[in-house]
Amino acid sequence: MRIEKCYFCSGPIYPGHGVMFVRNDCKDNSFEFEKRRNEPVKYQRELWNKTVDAMKRVEEIKQKRQARFIMNRLKKSKELQKAEDIKEVKQNIHLLRAPHAGTPKQLEDKMVQKLQEEVPMEEDS
C-alpha cells in the first residue's frame, strides 16, 4: 500500500481517500498509482543491506556531532574556570605566601604560571 503526502498540509493520504485534482491537459498520475499499488515489490538483498549500512553510518555521524557539540560547550567552561582560578590566586596571594618566600609579586607570578601549566595537562586527558 502506497501512502501519498498531501501537497498542502503534508499529511498522509491513503489510497481511495481524498480528491485528486487533474491538470487541464487531462494527465493524472493517480491512475498509474492505482494500477501499480497491488504489484508486489521485489525483495533486493543488496538494496536492503546498503540501506541498513547507511542507517548505521548516519547514526555514527550523529553520535560524533553530538560529542563534538558537548566538547565545544565544555571547552568554554574550562576557559572560564581557568580565568576564575587565576583571579582567585591574585586576590588571595597573601594566604599562599610563606614567610621565607620572596616578594608577593614573584610568588603571584609563580602560582599563575603553575596554574597555566596544570590546565593544559588536564585538557590532554
PDB file of N, CA and C in Angstrom:
ATOM      1  N   MET A   1       0.850  -1.175   0.000  1.00  0.00           N
ATOM      2  CA  MET A   1       0.000   0.000   0.000  1.00  0.00           C
ATOM      3  C   MET A   1       0.893   1.234   0.000  1.00  0.00           C
ATOM      4  N   ARG A   2       0.666   2.133  -0.936  1.00  0.00           N
ATOM      5  CA  ARG A   2       1.466   3.349  -1.042  1.00  0.00           C
ATOM      6  C   ARG A   2       0.666   4.506  -0.468  1.00  0.00           C
ATOM      7  N   ILE A   3       1.299   5.260   0.406  1.00  0.00           N
ATOM      8  CA  ILE A   3       0.659   6.399   1.051  1.00  0.00           C
ATOM      9  C   ILE A   3       1.260   7.675   0.483  1.00  0.00           C
ATOM     10  N   GLU A   4       0.444   8.489  -0.129  1.00  0.00           N
ATOM     11  CA  GLU A   4       0.888   9.767  -0.702  1.00  0.00           C
ATOM     12  C   GLU A   4       0.871  10.836   0.377  1.00  0.00           C
ATOM     13  N   LYS A   5       1.619  11.924   0.128  1.00  0.00           N
ATOM     14  CA  LYS A   5       1.615  13.062   1.048  1.00  0.00           C
ATOM     15  C   LYS A   5       0.813  14.194   0.425  1.00  0.00           C
ATOM     16  N   CYS A   6       0.019  14.841   1.224  1.00  0.00           N
ATOM     17  CA  CYS A   6      -0.758  15.990   0.764  1.00  0.00           C
ATOM     18  C   CYS A   6       0.198  17.149   0.481  1.00  0.00           C
ATOM     19  N   TYR A   7       0.049  17.801  -0.668  1.00  0.00           N
ATOM     20  CA  TYR A   7       0.958  18.899  -1.018  1.00  0.00           C
ATOM     21  C   TYR A   7       0.669  20.135  -0.187  1.00  0.00           C
ATOM     22  N   PHE A   8      -0.497  20.222   0.423  1.00  0.00           N
ATOM     23  CA  PHE A   8      -0.888  21.407   1.191  1.00  0.00           C
ATOM     24  C   PHE A   8      -0.469  21.297   2.664  1.00  0.00           C
ATOM     25  N   CYS A   9      -0.853  20.198   3.294  1.00  0.00           N
ATOM     26  CA  CYS A   9      -0.586  20.074   4.744  1.00  0.00           C
ATOM     27  C   CYS A   9       0.438  18.998   5.070  1.00  0.00           C
ATOM     28  N   SER A  10       0.946  18.280   4.082  1.00  0.00           N
ATOM     29  CA  SER A  10       1.924  17.197   4.253  1.00  0.00           C
ATOM     30  C   SER A  10       1.395  16.038   5.079  1.00  0.00           C
ATOM     31  N   GLY A  11       0.096  15.920   5.183  1.00  0.00           N
ATOM     32  CA  GLY A  11      -0.499  14.797   5.905  1.00  0.00           C
ATOM     33  C   GLY A  11      -0.576  13.569   5.007  1.00  0.00           C
ATOM     34  N   PRO A  12      -0.740  12.381   5.605  1.00  0.00           N
ATOM     35  CA  PRO A  12      -0.816  11.161   4.787  1.00  0.00           C
ATOM     36  C   PRO A  12      -2.172  11.049   4.087  1.00  0.00           C
ATOM     37  N   ILE A  13      -2.145  10.600   2.831  1.00  0.00           N
ATOM     38  CA  ILE A  13      -3.370  10.346   2.079  1.00  0.00           C
ATOM     39  C   ILE A  13      -3.348   8.879   1.691  1.00  0.00           C
ATOM     40  N   TYR A  14      -4.290   8.128   2.233  1.00  0.00           N
ATOM     41  CA  TYR A  14      -4.351   6.701   1.986  1.00  0.00           C
ATOM     42  C   TYR A  14      -5.093   6.434   0.672  1.00  0.00           C
ATOM     43  N   PRO A  15      -4.800   5.313   0.006  1.00  0.00           N
ATOM     44  CA  PRO A  15      -5.467   5.008  -1.265  1.00  0.00           C
ATOM     45  C   PRO A  15      -6.985   4.968  -1.101  1.00  0.00           C
ATOM     46  N   GLY A  16      -7.691   5.598  -2.039  1.00  0.00           N
ATOM     47  CA  GLY A  16      -9.146   5.611  -2.003  1.00  0.00           C
ATOM     48  C   GLY A  16      -9.717   6.765  -1.210  1.00  0.00           C
ATOM     49  N   HIS A  17      -8.899   7.607  -0.628  1.00  0.00           N
ATOM     50  CA  HIS A  17      -9.356   8.745   0.155  1.00  0.00           C
ATOM     51  C   HIS A  17      -8.895  10.030  -0.504  1.00  0.00           C
ATOM     52  N   GLY A  18      -9.621  11.077  -0.283  1.00  0.00           N
ATOM     53  CA  GLY A  18      -9.215  12.377  -0.776  1.00  0.00           C
ATOM     54  C   GLY A  18      -9.599  12.583  -2.228  1.00  0.00           C
ATOM     55  N   VAL A  19      -9.313  13.784  -2.710  1.00  0.00           N
ATOM     56  CA  VAL A  19      -9.652  14.162  -4.079  1.00  0.00           C
ATOM     57  C   VAL A  19      -8.365  14.491  -4.807  1.00  0.00           C
ATOM     58  N   MET A  20      -8.215  13.960  -6.029  1.00  0.00           N
ATOM     59  CA  MET A  20      -7.043  14.235  -6.838  1.00  0.00           C
ATOM     60  C   MET A  20      -7.443  15.251  -7.899  1.00  0.00           C
ATOM     61  N   PHE A  21      -6.732  16.351  -7.967  1.00  0.00           N
ATOM     62  CA  PHE A  21      -7.027  17.366  -8.975  1.00  0.00           C
ATOM     63  C   PHE A  21      -6.274  17.031 -10.251  1.00  0.00           C
ATOM     64  N   VAL A  22      -6.950  17.143 -11.384  1.00  0.00           N
ATOM     65  CA  VAL A  22      -6.392  16.787 -12.677  1.00  0.00           C
ATOM     66  C   VAL A  22      -6.050  18.070 -13.420  1.00  0.00           C
ATOM     67  N   ARG A  23      -4.899  18.080 -14.084  1.00  0.00           N
ATOM     68  CA  ARG A  23      -4.494  19.254 -14.854  1.00  0.00           C
ATOM     69  C   ARG A  23      -5.386  19.424 -16.071  1.00  0.00           C
ATOM     70  N   ASN A  24      -5.263  20.569 -16.695  1.00  0.00           N
ATOM     71  CA  ASN A  24      -6.105  20.871 -17.855  1.00  0.00           C
ATOM     72  C   ASN A  24      -5.838  19.952 -19.037  1.00  0.00           C
ATOM     73  N   ASP A  25      -4.629  19.405 -19.142  1.00  0.00           N
ATOM     74  CA  ASP A  25      -4.342  18.519 -20.267  1.00  0.00           C
ATOM     75  C   ASP A  25      -4.755  17.077 -19.978  1.00  0.00           C
ATOM     76  N   CYS A  26      -5.508  16.885 -18.917  1.00  0.00           N
ATOM     77  CA  CYS A  26      -6.103  15.597 -18.537  1.00  0.00           C
ATOM     78  C   CYS A  26      -5.076  14.518 -18.213  1.00  0.00           C
ATOM     79  N   LYS A  27      -3.933  14.907 -17.764  1.00  0.00           N
ATOM     80  CA  LYS A  27      -2.945  13.927 -17.318  1.00  0.00           C
ATOM     81  C   LYS A  27      -3.097  13.763 -15.809  1.00  0.00           C
ATOM     82  N   ASP A  28      -3.199  12.511 -15.390  1.00  0.00           N
ATOM     83  CA  ASP A  28      -3.426  12.237 -13.971  1.00  0.00           C
ATOM     84  C   ASP A  28      -2.528  11.089 -13.553  1.00  0.00           C
ATOM     85  N   ASN A  29      -1.754  11.315 -12.528  1.00  0.00           N
ATOM     86  CA  ASN A  29      -0.869  10.248 -12.080  1.00  0.00           C
ATOM     87  C   ASN A  29      -1.567   9.311 -11.103  1.00  0.00           C
ATOM     88  N   SER A  30      -2.777   9.631 -10.667  1.00  0.00           N
ATOM     89  CA  SER A  30      -3.445   8.753  -9.719  1.00  0.00           C
ATOM     90  C   SER A  30      -3.870   7.446 -10.369  1.00  0.00           C
ATOM     91  N   PHE A  31      -4.129   7.467 -11.689  1.00  0.00           N
ATOM     92  CA  PHE A  31      -4.492   6.226 -12.361  1.00  0.00           C
ATOM     93  C   PHE A  31      -3.311   5.264 -12.380  1.00  0.00           C
ATOM     94  N   GLU A  32      -2.128   5.770 -12.663  1.00  0.00           N
ATOM     95  CA  GLU A  32      -0.929   4.938 -12.641  1.00  0.00           C
ATOM     96  C   GLU A  32      -0.677   4.395 -11.240  1.00  0.00           C
ATOM     97  N   PHE A  33      -0.919   5.212 -10.251  1.00  0.00           N
ATOM     98  CA  PHE A  33      -0.728   4.793  -8.867  1.00  0.00           C
ATOM     99  C   PHE A  33      -1.669   3.641  -8.523  1.00  0.00           C
ATOM    100  N   GLU A  34      -2.916   3.745  -8.925  1.00  0.00           N
ATOM    101  CA  GLU A  34      -3.888   2.698  -8.626  1.00  0.00           C
ATOM    102  C   GLU A  34      -3.543   1.406  -9.361  1.00  0.00           C
ATOM    103  N   LYS A  35      -2.960   1.508 -10.555  1.00  0.00           N
ATOM    104  CA  LYS A  35      -2.589   0.308 -11.301  1.00  0.00           C
ATOM    105  C   LYS A  35      -1.477  -0.468 -10.600  1.00  0.00           C
ATOM    106  N   ARG A  36      -0.489   0.261 -10.104  1.00  0.00           N
ATOM    107  CA  ARG A  36       0.678  -0.434  -9.568  1.00  0.00           C
ATOM    108  C   ARG A  36       0.614  -0.710  -8.069  1.00  0.00           C
ATOM    109  N   ARG A  37      -0.432  -0.310  -7.393  1.00  0.00           N
ATOM    110  CA  ARG A  37      -0.443  -0.471  -5.937  1.00  0.00           C
ATOM    111  C   ARG A  37      -0.571  -1.920  -5.503  1.00  0.00           C
ATOM    112  N   ASN A  38      -1.109  -2.779  -6.354  1.00  0.00           N
ATOM    113  CA  ASN A  38      -1.270  -4.185  -5.992  1.00  0.00           C
ATOM    114  C   ASN A  38      -0.112  -5.052  -6.460  1.00  0.00           C
ATOM    115  N   GLU A  39       0.877  -4.462  -7.112  1.00  0.00           N
ATOM    116  CA  GLU A  39       2.032  -5.232  -7.544  1.00  0.00           C
ATOM    117  C   GLU A  39       2.969  -5.454  -6.369  1.00  0.00           C
ATOM    118  N   PRO A  40       3.422  -6.683  -6.169  1.00  0.00           N
ATOM    119  CA  PRO A  40       4.364  -6.919  -5.069  1.00  0.00           C
ATOM    120  C   PRO A  40       5.733  -6.311  -5.393  1.00  0.00           C
ATOM    121  N   VAL A  41       6.395  -5.831  -4.365  1.00  0.00           N
ATOM    122  CA  VAL A  41       7.719  -5.247  -4.529  1.00  0.00           C
ATOM    123  C   VAL A  41       8.750  -6.352  -4.392  1.00  0.00           C
ATOM    124  N   LYS A  42       9.678  -6.408  -5.325  1.00  0.00           N
ATOM    125  CA  LYS A  42      10.695  -7.452  -5.307  1.00  0.00           C
ATOM    126  C   LYS A  42      11.708  -7.177  -4.197  1.00  0.00           C
ATOM    127  N   TYR A  43      12.020  -8.201  -3.426  1.00  0.00           N
ATOM    128  CA  TYR A  43      12.996  -8.087  -2.351  1.00  0.00           C
ATOM    129  C   TYR A  43      14.395  -8.068  -2.937  1.00  0.00           C
ATOM    130  N   GLN A  44      15.161  -7.049  -2.628  1.00  0.00           N
ATOM    131  CA  GLN A  44      16.531  -6.943  -3.114  1.00  0.00           C
ATOM    132  C   GLN A  44      17.464  -6.895  -1.914  1.00  0.00           C
ATOM    133  N   ARG A  45      18.208  -7.964  -1.754  1.00  0.00           N
ATOM    134  CA  ARG A  45      19.089  -8.086  -0.595  1.00  0.00           C
ATOM    135  C   ARG A  45      20.159  -6.999  -0.575  1.00  0.00           C
ATOM    136  N   GLU A  46      20.744  -6.698  -1.732  1.00  0.00           N
ATOM    137  CA  GLU A  46      21.804  -5.691  -1.784  1.00  0.00           C
ATOM    138  C   GLU A  46      21.275  -4.321  -1.365  1.00  0.00           C
ATOM    139  N   LEU A  47      20.094  -3.961  -1.893  1.00  0.00           N
ATOM    140  CA  LEU A  47      19.492  -2.675  -1.534  1.00  0.00           C
ATOM    141  C   LEU A  47      19.194  -2.612  -0.038  1.00  0.00           C
ATOM    142  N   TRP A  48      18.688  -3.708   0.490  1.00  0.00           N
ATOM    143  CA  TRP A  48      18.376  -3.772   1.919  1.00  0.00           C
ATOM    144  C   TRP A  48      19.644  -3.614   2.758  1.00  0.00           C
ATOM    145  N   ASN A  49      20.720  -4.310   2.379  1.00  0.00           N
ATOM    146  CA  ASN A  49      21.978  -4.206   3.111  1.00  0.00           C
ATOM    147  C   ASN A  49      22.564  -2.806   3.030  1.00  0.00           C
ATOM    148  N   LYS A  50      22.510  -2.183   1.846  1.00  0.00           N
ATOM    149  CA  LYS A  50      23.018  -0.825   1.703  1.00  0.00           C
ATOM    150  C   LYS A  50      22.229   0.148   2.566  1.00  0.00           C
ATOM    151  N   THR A  51      20.927  -0.044   2.629  1.00  0.00           N
ATOM    152  CA  THR A  51      20.083   0.827   3.442  1.00  0.00           C
ATOM    153  C   THR A  51      20.423   0.682   4.919  1.00  0.00           C
ATOM    154  N   VAL A  52      20.591  -0.526   5.388  1.00  0.00           N
ATOM    155  CA  VAL A  52      20.928  -0.761   6.799  1.00  0.00           C
ATOM    156  C   VAL A  52      22.310  -0.179   7.122  1.00  0.00           C
ATOM    157  N   ASP A  53      23.274  -0.368   6.208  1.00  0.00           N
ATOM    158  CA  ASP A  53      24.607   0.192   6.415  1.00  0.00           C
ATOM    159  C   ASP A  53      24.568   1.716   6.443  1.00  0.00           C
ATOM    160  N   ALA A  54      23.763   2.303   5.572  1.00  0.00           N
ATOM    161  CA  ALA A  54      23.640   3.759   5.549  1.00  0.00           C
ATOM    162  C   ALA A  54      23.025   4.265   6.847  1.00  0.00           C
ATOM    163  N   MET A  55      22.050   3.543   7.379  1.00  0.00           N
ATOM    164  CA  MET A  55      21.427   3.944   8.648  1.00  0.00           C
ATOM    165  C   MET A  55      22.449   3.887   9.784  1.00  0.00           C
ATOM    166  N   LYS A  56      23.282   2.860   9.788  1.00  0.00           N
ATOM    167  CA  LYS A  56      24.324   2.764  10.816  1.00  0.00           C
ATOM    168  C   LYS A  56      25.312   3.917  10.697  1.00  0.00           C
ATOM    169  N   ARG A  57      25.684   4.243   9.482  1.00  0.00           N
ATOM    170  CA  ARG A  57      26.635   5.338   9.246  1.00  0.00           C
ATOM    171  C   ARG A  57      26.046   6.683   9.684  1.00  0.00           C
ATOM    172  N   VAL A  58      24.783   6.899   9.395  1.00  0.00           N
ATOM    173  CA  VAL A  58      24.115   8.136   9.811  1.00  0.00           C
ATOM    174  C   VAL A  58      24.091   8.228  11.336  1.00  0.00           C
ATOM    175  N   GLU A  59      23.811   7.144  11.997  1.00  0.00           N
ATOM    176  CA  GLU A  59      23.788   7.141  13.461  1.00  0.00           C
ATOM    177  C   GLU A  59      25.183   7.418  14.025  1.00  0.00           C
ATOM    178  N   GLU A  60      26.204   6.847  13.398  1.00  0.00           N
ATOM    179  CA  GLU A  60      27.582   7.088  13.829  1.00  0.00           C
ATOM    180  C   GLU A  60      27.952   8.564  13.675  1.00  0.00           C
ATOM    181  N   ILE A  61      27.600   9.157  12.551  1.00  0.00           N
ATOM    182  CA  ILE A  61      27.879  10.577  12.328  1.00  0.00           C
ATOM    183  C   ILE A  61      27.132  11.434  13.343  1.00  0.00           C
ATOM    184  N   LYS A  62      25.889  11.063  13.641  1.00  0.00           N
ATOM    185  CA  LYS A  62      25.092  11.819  14.606  1.00  0.00           C
ATOM    186  C   LYS A  62      25.740  11.791  15.994  1.00  0.00           C
ATOM    187  N   GLN A  63      26.244  10.621  16.391  1.00  0.00           N
ATOM    188  CA  GLN A  63      26.904  10.498  17.689  1.00  0.00           C
ATOM    189  C   GLN A  63      28.162  11.366  17.756  1.00  0.00           C
ATOM    190  N   LYS A  64      28.959  11.365  16.677  1.00  0.00           N
ATOM    191  CA  LYS A  64      30.175  12.179  16.651  1.00  0.00           C
ATOM    192  C   LYS A  64      29.842  13.662  16.743  1.00  0.00           C
ATOM    193  N   ARG A  65      28.817  14.096  16.027  1.00  0.00           N
ATOM    194  CA  ARG A  65      28.423  15.508  16.068  1.00  0.00           C
ATOM    195  C   ARG A  65      27.951  15.912  17.453  1.00  0.00           C
ATOM    196  N   GLN A  66      27.186  15.034  18.107  1.00  0.00           N
ATOM    197  CA  GLN A  66      26.726  15.345  19.458  1.00  0.00           C
ATOM    198  C   GLN A  66      27.908  15.440  20.414  1.00  0.00           C
ATOM    199  N   ALA A  67      28.861  14.529  20.299  1.00  0.00           N
ATOM    200  CA  ALA A  67      30.036  14.563  21.177  1.00  0.00           C
ATOM    201  C   ALA A  67      30.842  15.830  20.941  1.00  0.00           C
ATOM    202  N   ARG A  68      31.009  16.226  19.674  1.00  0.00           N
ATOM    203  CA  ARG A  68      31.755  17.446  19.356  1.00  0.00           C
ATOM    204  C   ARG A  68      31.042  18.679  19.907  1.00  0.00           C
ATOM    205  N   PHE A  69      29.722  18.697  19.808  1.00  0.00           N
ATOM    206  CA  PHE A  69      28.941  19.819  20.329  1.00  0.00           C
ATOM    207  C   PHE A  69      29.114  19.941  21.847  1.00  0.00           C
ATOM    208  N   ILE A  70      29.072  18.815  22.549  1.00  0.00           N
ATOM    209  CA  ILE A  70      29.231  18.820  24.002  1.00  0.00           C
ATOM    210  C   ILE A  70      30.633  19.269  24.381  1.00  0.00           C
ATOM    211  N   MET A  71      31.647  18.787  23.661  1.00  0.00           N
ATOM    212  CA  MET A  71      33.018  19.174  23.971  1.00  0.00           C
ATOM    213  C   MET A  71      33.249  20.665  23.742  1.00  0.00           C
ATOM    214  N   ASN A  72      32.645  21.228  22.704  1.00  0.00           N
ATOM    215  CA  ASN A  72      32.771  22.667  22.471  1.00  0.00           C
ATOM    216  C   ASN A  72      32.116  23.465  23.594  1.00  0.00           C
ATOM    217  N   ARG A  73      31.002  22.979  24.112  1.00  0.00           N
ATOM    218  CA  ARG A  73      30.360  23.653  25.248  1.00  0.00           C
ATOM    219  C   ARG A  73      31.237  23.569  26.487  1.00  0.00           C
ATOM    220  N   LEU A  74      31.851  22.413  26.719  1.00  0.00           N
ATOM    221  CA  LEU A  74      32.700  22.243  27.899  1.00  0.00           C
ATOM    222  C   LEU A  74      33.995  23.042  27.788  1.00  0.00           C
ATOM    223  N   LYS A  75      34.491  23.232  26.557  1.00  0.00           N
ATOM    224  CA  LYS A  75      35.725  23.975  26.357  1.00  0.00           C
ATOM    225  C   LYS A  75      35.580  25.408  26.867  1.00  0.00           C
ATOM    226  N   LYS A  76      34.457  26.022  26.603  1.00  0.00           N
ATOM    227  CA  LYS A  76      34.205  27.382  27.064  1.00  0.00           C
ATOM    228  C   LYS A  76      34.180  27.423  28.594  1.00  0.00           C
ATOM    229  N   SER A  77      33.595  26.411  29.198  1.00  0.00           N
ATOM    230  CA  SER A  77      33.542  26.340  30.659  1.00  0.00           C
ATOM    231  C   SER A  77      34.944  26.212  31.251  1.00  0.00           C
ATOM    232  N   LYS A  78      35.815  25.426  30.608  1.00  0.00           N
ATOM    233  CA  LYS A  78      37.189  25.268  31.105  1.00  0.00           C
ATOM    234  C   LYS A  78      37.945  26.588  31.046  1.00  0.00           C
ATOM    235  N   GLU A  79      37.745  27.344  29.964  1.00  0.00           N
ATOM    236  CA  GLU A  79      38.416  28.639  29.847  1.00  0.00           C
ATOM    237  C   GLU A  79      37.950  29.600  30.938  1.00  0.00           C
ATOM    238  N   LEU A  80      36.655  29.620  31.206  1.00  0.00           N
ATOM    239  CA  LEU A  80      36.122  30.486  32.258  1.00  0.00           C
ATOM    240  C   LEU A  80      36.642  30.060  33.630  1.00  0.00           C
ATOM    241  N   GLN A  81      36.728  28.758  33.865  1.00  0.00           N
ATOM    242  CA  GLN A  81      37.225  28.252  35.146  1.00  0.00           C
ATOM    243  C   GLN A  81      38.694  28.617  35.332  1.00  0.00           C
ATOM    244  N   LYS A  82      39.474  28.539  34.280  1.00  0.00           N
ATOM    245  CA  LYS A  82      40.895  28.887  34.345  1.00  0.00           C
ATOM    246  C   LYS A  82      41.059  30.364  34.705  1.00  0.00           C
ATOM    247  N   ALA A  83      40.288  31.229  34.042  1.00  0.00           N
ATOM    248  CA  ALA A  83      40.362  32.659  34.339  1.00  0.00           C
ATOM    249  C   ALA A  83      39.930  32.936  35.779  1.00  0.00           C
ATOM    250  N   GLU A  84      38.932  32.243  36.241  1.00  0.00           N
ATOM    251  CA  GLU A  84      38.454  32.411  37.623  1.00  0.00           C
ATOM    252  C   GLU A  84      39.524  31.966  38.627  1.00  0.00           C
ATOM    253  N   ASP A  85      40.207  30.856  38.334  1.00  0.00           N
ATOM    254  CA  ASP A  85      41.268  30.379  39.228  1.00  0.00           C
ATOM    255  C   ASP A  85      42.422  31.378  39.307  1.00  0.00           C
ATOM    256  N   ILE A  86      42.820  31.926  38.177  1.00  0.00           N
ATOM    257  CA  ILE A  86      43.917  32.906  38.159  1.00  0.00           C
ATOM    258  C   ILE A  86      43.524  34.150  38.948  1.00  0.00           C
ATOM    259  N   LYS A  87      42.294  34.583  38.777  1.00  0.00           N
ATOM    260  CA  LYS A  87      41.808  35.760  39.503  1.00  0.00           C
ATOM    261  C   LYS A  87      41.809  35.507  41.015  1.00  0.00           C
ATOM    262  N   GLU A  88      41.387  34.304  41.404  1.00  0.00           N
ATOM    263  CA  GLU A  88      41.340  33.954  42.820  1.00  0.00           C
ATOM    264  C   GLU A  88      42.751  33.919  43.422  1.00  0.00           C
ATOM    265  N   VAL A  89      43.728  33.393  42.699  1.00  0.00           N
ATOM    266  CA  VAL A  89      45.105  33.355  43.187  1.00  0.00           C
ATOM    267  C   VAL A  89      45.635  34.773  43.361  1.00  0.00           C
ATOM    268  N   LYS A  90      45.346  35.647  42.410  1.00  0.00           N
ATOM    269  CA  LYS A  90      45.830  37.022  42.507  1.00  0.00           C
ATOM    270  C   LYS A  90      45.214  37.753  43.694  1.00  0.00           C
ATOM    271  N   GLN A  91      43.938  37.494  43.965  1.00  0.00           N
ATOM    272  CA  GLN A  91      43.274  38.183  45.068  1.00  0.00           C
ATOM    273  C   GLN A  91      43.727  37.665  46.433  1.00  0.00           C
ATOM    274  N   ASN A  92      43.975  36.373  46.541  1.00  0.00           N
ATOM    275  CA  ASN A  92      44.285  35.770  47.842  1.00  0.00           C
ATOM    276  C   ASN A  92      45.742  35.319  47.933  1.00  0.00           C
ATOM    277  N   ILE A  93      46.640  36.073  47.320  1.00  0.00           N
ATOM    278  CA  ILE A  93      48.049  35.695  47.334  1.00  0.00           C
ATOM    279  C   ILE A  93      48.635  35.765  48.744  1.00  0.00           C
ATOM    280  N   HIS A  94      48.067  36.629  49.578  1.00  0.00           N
ATOM    281  CA  HIS A  94      48.591  36.756  50.949  1.00  0.00           C
ATOM    282  C   HIS A  94      48.371  35.479  51.760  1.00  0.00           C
ATOM    283  N   LEU A  95      47.399  34.668  51.386  1.00  0.00           N
ATOM    284  CA  LEU A  95      47.170  33.407  52.085  1.00  0.00           C
ATOM    285  C   LEU A  95      48.182  32.336  51.682  1.00  0.00           C
ATOM    286  N   LEU A  96      48.742  32.470  50.506  1.00  0.00           N
ATOM    287  CA  LEU A  96      49.669  31.477  49.988  1.00  0.00           C
ATOM    288  C   LEU A  96      51.123  31.791  50.327  1.00  0.00           C
ATOM    289  N   ARG A  97      51.407  33.032  50.636  1.00  0.00           N
ATOM    290  CA  ARG A  97      52.793  33.450  50.810  1.00  0.00           C
ATOM    291  C   ARG A  97      53.368  32.898  52.110  1.00  0.00           C
ATOM    292  N   ALA A  98      54.499  32.263  52.001  1.00  0.00           N
ATOM    293  CA  ALA A  98      55.206  31.753  53.168  1.00  0.00           C
ATOM    294  C   ALA A  98      56.157  32.837  53.676  1.00  0.00           C
ATOM    295  N   PRO A  99      56.550  32.790  54.949  1.00  0.00           N
ATOM    296  CA  PRO A  99      57.429  33.821  55.486  1.00  0.00           C
ATOM    297  C   PRO A  99      58.783  33.872  54.780  1.00  0.00           C
ATOM    298  N   HIS A 100      59.292  32.757  54.335  1.00  0.00           N
ATOM    299  CA  HIS A 100      60.623  32.727  53.705  1.00  0.00           C
ATOM    300  C   HIS A 100      60.543  32.962  52.193  1.00  0.00           C
ATOM    301  N   ALA A 101      59.335  33.179  51.648  1.00  0.00           N
ATOM    302  CA  ALA A 101      59.180  33.389  50.204  1.00  0.00           C
ATOM    303  C   ALA A 101      59.637  34.791  49.826  1.00  0.00           C
ATOM    304  N   GLY A 102      59.815  34.988  48.529  1.00  0.00           N
ATOM    305  CA  GLY A 102      60.249  36.282  48.013  1.00  0.00           C
ATOM    306  C   GLY A 102      59.118  37.303  48.075  1.00  0.00           C
ATOM    307  N   THR A 103      59.180  38.236  47.195  1.00  0.00           N
ATOM    308  CA  THR A 103      58.166  39.289  47.179  1.00  0.00           C
ATOM    309  C   THR A 103      56.826  38.703  46.738  1.00  0.00           C
ATOM    310  N   PRO A 104      55.751  39.362  47.117  1.00  0.00           N
ATOM    311  CA  PRO A 104      54.433  38.849  46.717  1.00  0.00           C
ATOM    312  C   PRO A 104      54.239  38.791  45.202  1.00  0.00           C
ATOM    313  N   LYS A 105      54.830  39.708  44.492  1.00  0.00           N
ATOM    314  CA  LYS A 105      54.686  39.722  43.042  1.00  0.00           C
ATOM    315  C   LYS A 105      55.342  38.488  42.423  1.00  0.00           C
ATOM    316  N   GLN A 106      56.517  38.092  42.911  1.00  0.00           N
ATOM    317  CA  GLN A 106      57.192  36.905  42.384  1.00  0.00           C
ATOM    318  C   GLN A 106      56.381  35.646  42.675  1.00  0.00           C
ATOM    319  N   LEU A 107      55.840  35.573  43.891  1.00  0.00           N
ATOM    320  CA  LEU A 107      55.036  34.416  44.270  1.00  0.00           C
ATOM    321  C   LEU A 107      53.763  34.338  43.424  1.00  0.00           C
ATOM    322  N   GLU A 108      53.180  35.485  43.190  1.00  0.00           N
ATOM    323  CA  GLU A 108      51.968  35.531  42.365  1.00  0.00           C
ATOM    324  C   GLU A 108      52.262  35.037  40.950  1.00  0.00           C
ATOM    325  N   ASP A 109      53.357  35.472  40.381  1.00  0.00           N
ATOM    326  CA  ASP A 109      53.732  35.045  39.039  1.00  0.00           C
ATOM    327  C   ASP A 109      53.981  33.535  38.991  1.00  0.00           C
ATOM    328  N   LYS A 110      54.624  32.987  40.036  1.00  0.00           N
ATOM    329  CA  LYS A 110      54.883  31.550  40.080  1.00  0.00           C
ATOM    330  C   LYS A 110      53.579  30.749  40.134  1.00  0.00           C
ATOM    331  N   MET A 111      52.639  31.227  40.953  1.00  0.00           N
ATOM    332  CA  MET A 111      51.378  30.500  41.095  1.00  0.00           C
ATOM    333  C   MET A 111      50.552  30.564  39.803  1.00  0.00           C
ATOM    334  N   VAL A 112      50.539  31.700  39.155  1.00  0.00           N
ATOM    335  CA  VAL A 112      49.816  31.825  37.886  1.00  0.00           C
ATOM    336  C   VAL A 112      50.444  30.923  36.839  1.00  0.00           C
ATOM    337  N   GLN A 113      51.781  30.878  36.808  1.00  0.00           N
ATOM    338  CA  GLN A 113      52.469  30.016  35.854  1.00  0.00           C
ATOM    339  C   GLN A 113      52.150  28.548  36.132  1.00  0.00           C
ATOM    340  N   LYS A 114      52.128  28.182  37.401  1.00  0.00           N
ATOM    341  CA  LYS A 114      51.834  26.804  37.772  1.00  0.00           C
ATOM    342  C   LYS A 114      50.405  26.421  37.369  1.00  0.00           C
ATOM    343  N   LEU A 115      49.455  27.334  37.583  1.00  0.00           N
ATOM    344  CA  LEU A 115      48.074  27.066  37.185  1.00  0.00           C
ATOM    345  C   LEU A 115      47.960  26.906  35.670  1.00  0.00           C
ATOM    346  N   GLN A 116      48.677  27.730  34.932  1.00  0.00           N
ATOM    347  CA  GLN A 116      48.616  27.647  33.483  1.00  0.00           C
ATOM    348  C   GLN A 116      49.236  26.354  32.970  1.00  0.00           C
ATOM    349  N   GLU A 117      50.218  25.818  33.677  1.00  0.00           N
ATOM    350  CA  GLU A 117      50.822  24.541  33.279  1.00  0.00           C
ATOM    351  C   GLU A 117      49.889  23.379  33.589  1.00  0.00           C
ATOM    352  N   GLU A 118      49.140  23.472  34.679  1.00  0.00           N
ATOM    353  CA  GLU A 118      48.253  22.382  35.073  1.00  0.00           C
ATOM    354  C   GLU A 118      47.058  22.271  34.142  1.00  0.00           C
ATOM    355  N   VAL A 119      46.532  23.358  33.672  1.00  0.00           N
ATOM    356  CA  VAL A 119      45.329  23.324  32.838  1.00  0.00           C
ATOM    357  C   VAL A 119      45.562  22.602  31.510  1.00  0.00           C
ATOM    358  N   PRO A 120      46.663  22.841  30.768  1.00  0.00           N
ATOM    359  CA  PRO A 120      46.854  22.075  29.524  1.00  0.00           C
ATOM    360  C   PRO A 120      46.997  20.587  29.778  1.00  0.00           C
ATOM    361  N   MET A 121      47.568  20.175  30.912  1.00  0.00           N
ATOM    362  CA  MET A 121      47.674  18.742  31.193  1.00  0.00           C
ATOM    363  C   MET A 121      46.292  18.141  31.390  1.00  0.00           C
ATOM    364  N   GLU A 122      45.366  18.876  31.983  1.00  0.00           N
ATOM    365  CA  GLU A 122      44.018  18.367  32.174  1.00  0.00           C
ATOM    366  C   GLU A 122      43.299  18.259  30.835  1.00  0.00           C
ATOM    367  N   GLU A 123      43.566  19.165  29.912  1.00  0.00           N
ATOM    368  CA  GLU A 123      42.905  19.146  28.615  1.00  0.00           C
ATOM    369  C   GLU A 123      43.350  17.940  27.789  1.00  0.00           C
ATOM    370  N   ASP A 124      44.588  17.492  27.949  1.00  0.00           N
ATOM    371  CA  ASP A 124      45.105  16.358  27.195  1.00  0.00           C
ATOM    372  C   ASP A 124      44.397  15.062  27.554  1.00  0.00           C
ATOM    373  N   SER A 125      43.988  14.909  28.799  1.00  0.00           N
ATOM    374  CA  SER A 125      43.365  13.651  29.213  1.00  0.00           C
ATOM    375  C   SER A 125      41.917  13.608  28.912  1.00  0.00           C
TER     376      SER A 125
END
